[in-house]
Amino acid sequence: KRLKQALPKLTKIRARLVLHLAFKKTNTTGEICHVCKIGNLSDMVTKTNPMLEKYGLTIKNYPPASPLLNSFGEPTTVHCWELVILEDEGPSPASRLTNSVEEKNAGELLKQVA
């Protein structure tokens, strides 16, 4: 319900980001930027969160339990991102917003913001 109320208030690209996070597993910065065609994810989240917070949602990021390795085998500072309900504390998988919109509605919403 919260997601459905917030989506019409977002721009196309912000709605695409929110829908991606709502219906996909937690993703890393690079994966989200590639799939959602976003150049600066941190900036996008900074601008999107104030609107989401009005509906009790927010996008959070956190480092993965084990740092990801780059192509040289070195640890990276890549973070994971997820959409969470504000009442939840921390970025635990249980806090993810998963089934706020019916599956068939999700497909329709994705078409509208594509």
N, C-alpha and C. Protein backbone atom coordinates (compact mmCIF):
# COMPACT_ATOMS: atom_id res chain seq x y z
N LYS A 1 0.83 -1.19 0.00
CA LYS A 1 0.00 0.00 0.00
C LYS A 1 0.87 1.26 0.00
N ARG A 2 1.92 1.26 0.83
CA ARG A 2 2.81 2.42 0.90
C ARG A 2 3.48 2.68 -0.44
N LEU A 3 3.95 1.61 -1.04
CA LEU A 3 4.63 1.71 -2.31
C LEU A 3 3.70 2.26 -3.38
N LYS A 4 2.51 1.76 -3.41
CA LYS A 4 1.53 2.18 -4.41
C LYS A 4 1.20 3.67 -4.27
N GLN A 5 1.19 4.17 -3.04
CA GLN A 5 0.91 5.58 -2.80
C GLN A 5 2.09 6.46 -3.20
N ALA A 6 3.29 5.98 -2.99
CA ALA A 6 4.49 6.79 -3.25
C ALA A 6 4.84 6.88 -4.73
N LEU A 7 4.63 5.82 -5.48
CA LEU A 7 5.09 5.76 -6.88
C LEU A 7 4.60 6.91 -7.76
N PRO A 8 3.33 7.31 -7.70
CA PRO A 8 2.90 8.39 -8.58
C PRO A 8 3.61 9.73 -8.30
N LYS A 9 4.20 9.88 -7.14
CA LYS A 9 4.88 11.13 -6.77
C LYS A 9 6.32 11.17 -7.25
N LEU A 10 6.83 10.06 -7.76
CA LEU A 10 8.23 9.96 -8.17
C LEU A 10 8.40 10.15 -9.67
N THR A 11 9.57 10.62 -10.07
CA THR A 11 9.89 10.69 -11.50
C THR A 11 10.03 9.27 -12.03
N LYS A 12 10.07 9.13 -13.35
CA LYS A 12 10.18 7.79 -13.96
C LYS A 12 11.40 7.03 -13.46
N ILE A 13 12.54 7.67 -13.49
CA ILE A 13 13.77 6.97 -13.12
C ILE A 13 13.78 6.63 -11.62
N ARG A 14 13.23 7.50 -10.79
CA ARG A 14 13.16 7.20 -9.36
C ARG A 14 12.18 6.07 -9.09
N ALA A 15 11.07 6.06 -9.80
CA ALA A 15 10.10 4.97 -9.66
C ALA A 15 10.73 3.65 -10.11
N ARG A 16 11.51 3.69 -11.18
CA ARG A 16 12.19 2.48 -11.66
C ARG A 16 13.13 1.94 -10.58
N LEU A 17 13.86 2.81 -9.92
CA LEU A 17 14.77 2.41 -8.85
C LEU A 17 13.99 1.78 -7.70
N VAL A 18 12.92 2.42 -7.27
CA VAL A 18 12.13 1.93 -6.13
C VAL A 18 11.50 0.58 -6.47
N LEU A 19 10.95 0.44 -7.66
CA LEU A 19 10.35 -0.83 -8.06
C LEU A 19 11.40 -1.93 -8.14
N HIS A 20 12.57 -1.60 -8.65
CA HIS A 20 13.64 -2.59 -8.71
C HIS A 20 13.98 -3.09 -7.32
N LEU A 21 14.14 -2.18 -6.37
CA LEU A 21 14.48 -2.57 -5.01
C LEU A 21 13.34 -3.30 -4.32
N ALA A 22 12.11 -2.98 -4.67
CA ALA A 22 10.96 -3.62 -4.03
C ALA A 22 10.76 -5.06 -4.49
N PHE A 23 11.11 -5.36 -5.74
CA PHE A 23 10.79 -6.67 -6.28
C PHE A 23 11.99 -7.53 -6.63
N LYS A 24 13.19 -7.05 -6.38
CA LYS A 24 14.40 -7.83 -6.62
C LYS A 24 15.12 -8.01 -5.30
N LYS A 25 16.05 -8.95 -5.28
CA LYS A 25 16.87 -9.13 -4.10
C LYS A 25 17.71 -7.87 -3.89
N THR A 26 18.24 -7.73 -2.70
CA THR A 26 19.14 -6.63 -2.42
C THR A 26 20.27 -6.66 -3.45
N ASN A 27 20.60 -5.51 -4.00
CA ASN A 27 21.62 -5.42 -5.05
C ASN A 27 22.77 -4.52 -4.64
N THR A 28 23.87 -4.67 -5.36
CA THR A 28 25.02 -3.80 -5.15
C THR A 28 24.85 -2.54 -6.00
N THR A 29 25.66 -1.55 -5.70
CA THR A 29 25.59 -0.27 -6.41
C THR A 29 25.71 -0.47 -7.92
N GLY A 30 26.71 -1.22 -8.35
CA GLY A 30 26.94 -1.40 -9.78
C GLY A 30 25.78 -2.08 -10.49
N GLU A 31 25.23 -3.11 -9.88
CA GLU A 31 24.09 -3.82 -10.49
C GLU A 31 22.89 -2.89 -10.65
N ILE A 32 22.59 -2.13 -9.61
CA ILE A 32 21.44 -1.22 -9.65
C ILE A 32 21.66 -0.15 -10.71
N CYS A 33 22.84 0.44 -10.74
CA CYS A 33 23.12 1.49 -11.74
C CYS A 33 22.98 0.95 -13.15
N HIS A 34 23.45 -0.27 -13.37
CA HIS A 34 23.36 -0.88 -14.70
C HIS A 34 21.91 -1.16 -15.09
N VAL A 35 21.17 -1.82 -14.22
CA VAL A 35 19.79 -2.22 -14.53
C VAL A 35 18.87 -1.01 -14.64
N CYS A 36 19.02 -0.05 -13.73
CA CYS A 36 18.11 1.10 -13.68
C CYS A 36 18.61 2.30 -14.49
N LYS A 37 19.78 2.17 -15.09
CA LYS A 37 20.37 3.26 -15.89
C LYS A 37 20.53 4.54 -15.08
N ILE A 38 21.21 4.39 -13.93
CA ILE A 38 21.46 5.51 -13.03
C ILE A 38 22.96 5.75 -12.98
N GLY A 39 23.38 7.01 -13.11
CA GLY A 39 24.79 7.34 -13.07
C GLY A 39 25.32 7.52 -11.65
N ASN A 40 24.54 8.16 -10.80
CA ASN A 40 24.99 8.46 -9.44
C ASN A 40 23.91 7.99 -8.47
N LEU A 41 24.05 6.76 -8.00
CA LEU A 41 23.01 6.15 -7.16
C LEU A 41 22.85 6.89 -5.84
N SER A 42 23.94 7.26 -5.20
CA SER A 42 23.85 7.96 -3.91
C SER A 42 23.04 9.24 -4.04
N ASP A 43 23.31 10.01 -5.10
CA ASP A 43 22.57 11.25 -5.33
C ASP A 43 21.09 10.97 -5.57
N MET A 44 20.81 9.93 -6.35
CA MET A 44 19.42 9.57 -6.65
C MET A 44 18.68 9.20 -5.37
N VAL A 45 19.31 8.43 -4.51
CA VAL A 45 18.69 8.01 -3.25
C VAL A 45 18.48 9.21 -2.33
N THR A 46 19.46 10.09 -2.28
CA THR A 46 19.35 11.30 -1.45
C THR A 46 18.14 12.13 -1.87
N LYS A 47 17.87 12.19 -3.16
CA LYS A 47 16.74 12.98 -3.66
C LYS A 47 15.42 12.22 -3.57
N THR A 48 15.47 10.90 -3.54
CA THR A 48 14.25 10.08 -3.51
C THR A 48 13.75 9.84 -2.10
N ASN A 49 14.64 9.66 -1.15
CA ASN A 49 14.24 9.31 0.21
C ASN A 49 13.27 10.29 0.88
N PRO A 50 13.41 11.61 0.73
CA PRO A 50 12.44 12.49 1.39
C PRO A 50 10.99 12.20 0.98
N MET A 51 10.77 11.87 -0.29
CA MET A 51 9.42 11.55 -0.74
C MET A 51 8.98 10.20 -0.17
N LEU A 52 9.87 9.22 -0.20
CA LEU A 52 9.52 7.90 0.32
C LEU A 52 9.22 7.95 1.82
N GLU A 53 9.95 8.77 2.55
CA GLU A 53 9.77 8.86 3.99
C GLU A 53 8.37 9.35 4.36
N LYS A 54 7.76 10.13 3.50
CA LYS A 54 6.38 10.59 3.74
C LYS A 54 5.41 9.40 3.77
N TYR A 55 5.81 8.30 3.15
CA TYR A 55 4.97 7.11 3.08
C TYR A 55 5.53 5.96 3.92
N GLY A 56 6.46 6.27 4.80
CA GLY A 56 7.00 5.27 5.71
C GLY A 56 7.99 4.31 5.09
N LEU A 57 8.66 4.75 4.02
CA LEU A 57 9.66 3.92 3.34
C LEU A 57 10.98 4.67 3.25
N THR A 58 12.04 3.95 3.06
CA THR A 58 13.33 4.58 2.80
C THR A 58 14.24 3.58 2.10
N ILE A 59 15.24 4.10 1.42
CA ILE A 59 16.25 3.26 0.79
C ILE A 59 17.50 3.37 1.66
N LYS A 60 18.04 2.22 2.05
CA LYS A 60 19.24 2.19 2.89
C LYS A 60 20.34 1.44 2.17
N ASN A 61 21.57 1.74 2.56
CA ASN A 61 22.71 0.99 2.03
C ASN A 61 23.58 0.54 3.18
N TYR A 62 24.33 -0.51 2.95
CA TYR A 62 25.22 -1.07 3.97
C TYR A 62 26.27 -1.92 3.28
N PRO A 63 27.44 -2.06 3.90
CA PRO A 63 28.46 -2.92 3.30
C PRO A 63 28.06 -4.39 3.43
N PRO A 64 28.39 -5.21 2.45
CA PRO A 64 28.07 -6.64 2.55
C PRO A 64 28.87 -7.28 3.70
N ALA A 65 28.39 -8.40 4.19
CA ALA A 65 29.06 -9.10 5.30
C ALA A 65 30.52 -9.39 4.97
N SER A 66 30.76 -9.84 3.77
CA SER A 66 32.14 -10.06 3.29
C SER A 66 32.37 -9.08 2.15
N PRO A 67 33.40 -8.24 2.25
CA PRO A 67 33.63 -7.27 1.17
C PRO A 67 33.77 -7.97 -0.19
N LEU A 68 33.18 -7.37 -1.20
CA LEU A 68 33.30 -7.90 -2.55
C LEU A 68 34.70 -7.61 -3.08
N LEU A 69 35.16 -8.45 -3.98
CA LEU A 69 36.49 -8.28 -4.54
C LEU A 69 36.39 -7.72 -5.96
N ASN A 70 37.31 -6.82 -6.29
CA ASN A 70 37.34 -6.30 -7.65
C ASN A 70 38.10 -7.27 -8.56
N SER A 71 38.30 -6.89 -9.81
CA SER A 71 38.93 -7.79 -10.77
C SER A 71 40.40 -8.07 -10.44
N PHE A 72 40.98 -7.30 -9.53
CA PHE A 72 42.36 -7.53 -9.11
C PHE A 72 42.42 -8.34 -7.82
N GLY A 73 41.28 -8.78 -7.33
CA GLY A 73 41.22 -9.57 -6.11
C GLY A 73 41.32 -8.74 -4.84
N GLU A 74 41.15 -7.43 -4.98
CA GLU A 74 41.23 -6.53 -3.82
C GLU A 74 39.83 -6.24 -3.29
N PRO A 75 39.68 -6.05 -1.98
CA PRO A 75 38.37 -5.72 -1.42
C PRO A 75 37.89 -4.35 -1.91
N THR A 76 36.60 -4.22 -2.13
CA THR A 76 36.03 -2.95 -2.60
C THR A 76 35.18 -2.34 -1.49
N THR A 77 34.76 -1.10 -1.75
CA THR A 77 33.87 -0.41 -0.80
C THR A 77 32.43 -0.45 -1.31
N VAL A 78 32.13 -1.35 -2.22
CA VAL A 78 30.79 -1.48 -2.78
C VAL A 78 29.79 -1.78 -1.66
N HIS A 79 28.63 -1.14 -1.75
CA HIS A 79 27.57 -1.34 -0.76
C HIS A 79 26.38 -2.05 -1.38
N CYS A 80 25.53 -2.60 -0.52
CA CYS A 80 24.25 -3.19 -0.94
C CYS A 80 23.16 -2.18 -0.60
N TRP A 81 22.09 -2.21 -1.38
CA TRP A 81 20.98 -1.26 -1.22
C TRP A 81 19.69 -2.03 -1.11
N GLU A 82 18.76 -1.51 -0.30
CA GLU A 82 17.44 -2.13 -0.20
C GLU A 82 16.40 -1.10 0.22
N LEU A 83 15.16 -1.40 -0.13
CA LEU A 83 14.01 -0.59 0.27
C LEU A 83 13.47 -1.17 1.56
N VAL A 84 13.32 -0.34 2.58
CA VAL A 84 12.86 -0.83 3.88
C VAL A 84 11.72 0.03 4.40
N ILE A 85 10.96 -0.55 5.31
CA ILE A 85 9.90 0.17 6.01
C ILE A 85 10.55 0.89 7.18
N LEU A 86 10.22 2.15 7.40
CA LEU A 86 10.90 2.95 8.40
C LEU A 86 10.84 2.39 9.81
N GLU A 87 9.80 1.69 10.17
CA GLU A 87 9.70 1.15 11.52
C GLU A 87 10.78 0.10 11.79
N ASP A 88 11.30 -0.50 10.75
CA ASP A 88 12.31 -1.54 10.92
C ASP A 88 13.66 -0.92 11.22
N GLU A 89 14.41 -1.56 12.05
CA GLU A 89 15.75 -1.10 12.39
C GLU A 89 16.77 -1.89 11.59
N GLY A 90 17.69 -1.21 10.97
CA GLY A 90 18.78 -1.88 10.27
C GLY A 90 18.37 -2.51 8.96
N PRO A 91 19.34 -2.93 8.19
CA PRO A 91 19.10 -3.47 6.86
C PRO A 91 18.97 -4.99 6.81
N SER A 92 18.30 -5.58 7.78
CA SER A 92 18.17 -7.03 7.76
C SER A 92 17.24 -7.48 6.64
N PRO A 93 17.49 -8.66 6.07
CA PRO A 93 16.64 -9.14 4.98
C PRO A 93 15.17 -9.21 5.37
N ALA A 94 14.88 -9.43 6.63
CA ALA A 94 13.49 -9.52 7.08
C ALA A 94 12.78 -8.18 6.96
N SER A 95 13.54 -7.09 6.89
CA SER A 95 12.91 -5.77 6.85
C SER A 95 12.54 -5.34 5.44
N ARG A 96 12.91 -6.14 4.45
CA ARG A 96 12.63 -5.75 3.06
C ARG A 96 11.14 -5.66 2.79
N LEU A 97 10.79 -4.69 1.97
CA LEU A 97 9.42 -4.54 1.51
C LEU A 97 9.29 -5.46 0.31
N THR A 98 8.47 -6.50 0.41
CA THR A 98 8.45 -7.46 -0.69
C THR A 98 7.09 -7.56 -1.39
N ASN A 99 6.03 -7.67 -0.67
CA ASN A 99 4.75 -7.93 -1.31
C ASN A 99 3.72 -6.83 -1.08
N SER A 100 4.14 -5.57 -1.16
CA SER A 100 3.21 -4.48 -0.92
C SER A 100 2.27 -4.26 -2.10
N VAL A 101 2.69 -4.66 -3.27
CA VAL A 101 1.86 -4.51 -4.47
C VAL A 101 1.69 -5.90 -5.07
N GLU A 102 0.50 -6.21 -5.53
CA GLU A 102 0.27 -7.52 -6.12
C GLU A 102 1.19 -7.72 -7.33
N GLU A 103 1.57 -8.95 -7.59
CA GLU A 103 2.51 -9.27 -8.66
C GLU A 103 2.07 -8.70 -10.01
N LYS A 104 0.80 -8.83 -10.35
CA LYS A 104 0.37 -8.34 -11.66
C LYS A 104 0.42 -6.82 -11.72
N ASN A 105 0.17 -6.15 -10.59
CA ASN A 105 0.28 -4.70 -10.56
C ASN A 105 1.72 -4.26 -10.73
N ALA A 106 2.66 -5.04 -10.23
CA ALA A 106 4.07 -4.70 -10.35
C ALA A 106 4.47 -4.66 -11.82
N GLY A 107 4.00 -5.62 -12.60
CA GLY A 107 4.30 -5.64 -14.03
C GLY A 107 3.75 -4.42 -14.74
N GLU A 108 2.55 -4.03 -14.38
CA GLU A 108 1.94 -2.84 -14.97
C GLU A 108 2.72 -1.59 -14.58
N LEU A 109 3.13 -1.50 -13.33
CA LEU A 109 3.88 -0.34 -12.87
C LEU A 109 5.24 -0.25 -13.56
N LEU A 110 5.89 -1.40 -13.77
CA LEU A 110 7.18 -1.42 -14.45
C LEU A 110 7.04 -0.92 -15.89
N LYS A 111 5.97 -1.29 -16.56
CA LYS A 111 5.74 -0.83 -17.93
C LYS A 111 5.56 0.69 -17.97
N GLN A 112 4.90 1.25 -16.96
CA GLN A 112 4.64 2.68 -16.93
C GLN A 112 5.91 3.49 -16.75
N VAL A 113 6.89 2.94 -16.02
CA VAL A 113 8.10 3.71 -15.76
C VAL A 113 9.25 3.33 -16.67
N ALA A 114 9.05 2.35 -17.54
CA ALA A 114 10.14 1.93 -18.45
C ALA A 114 10.33 2.94 -19.56
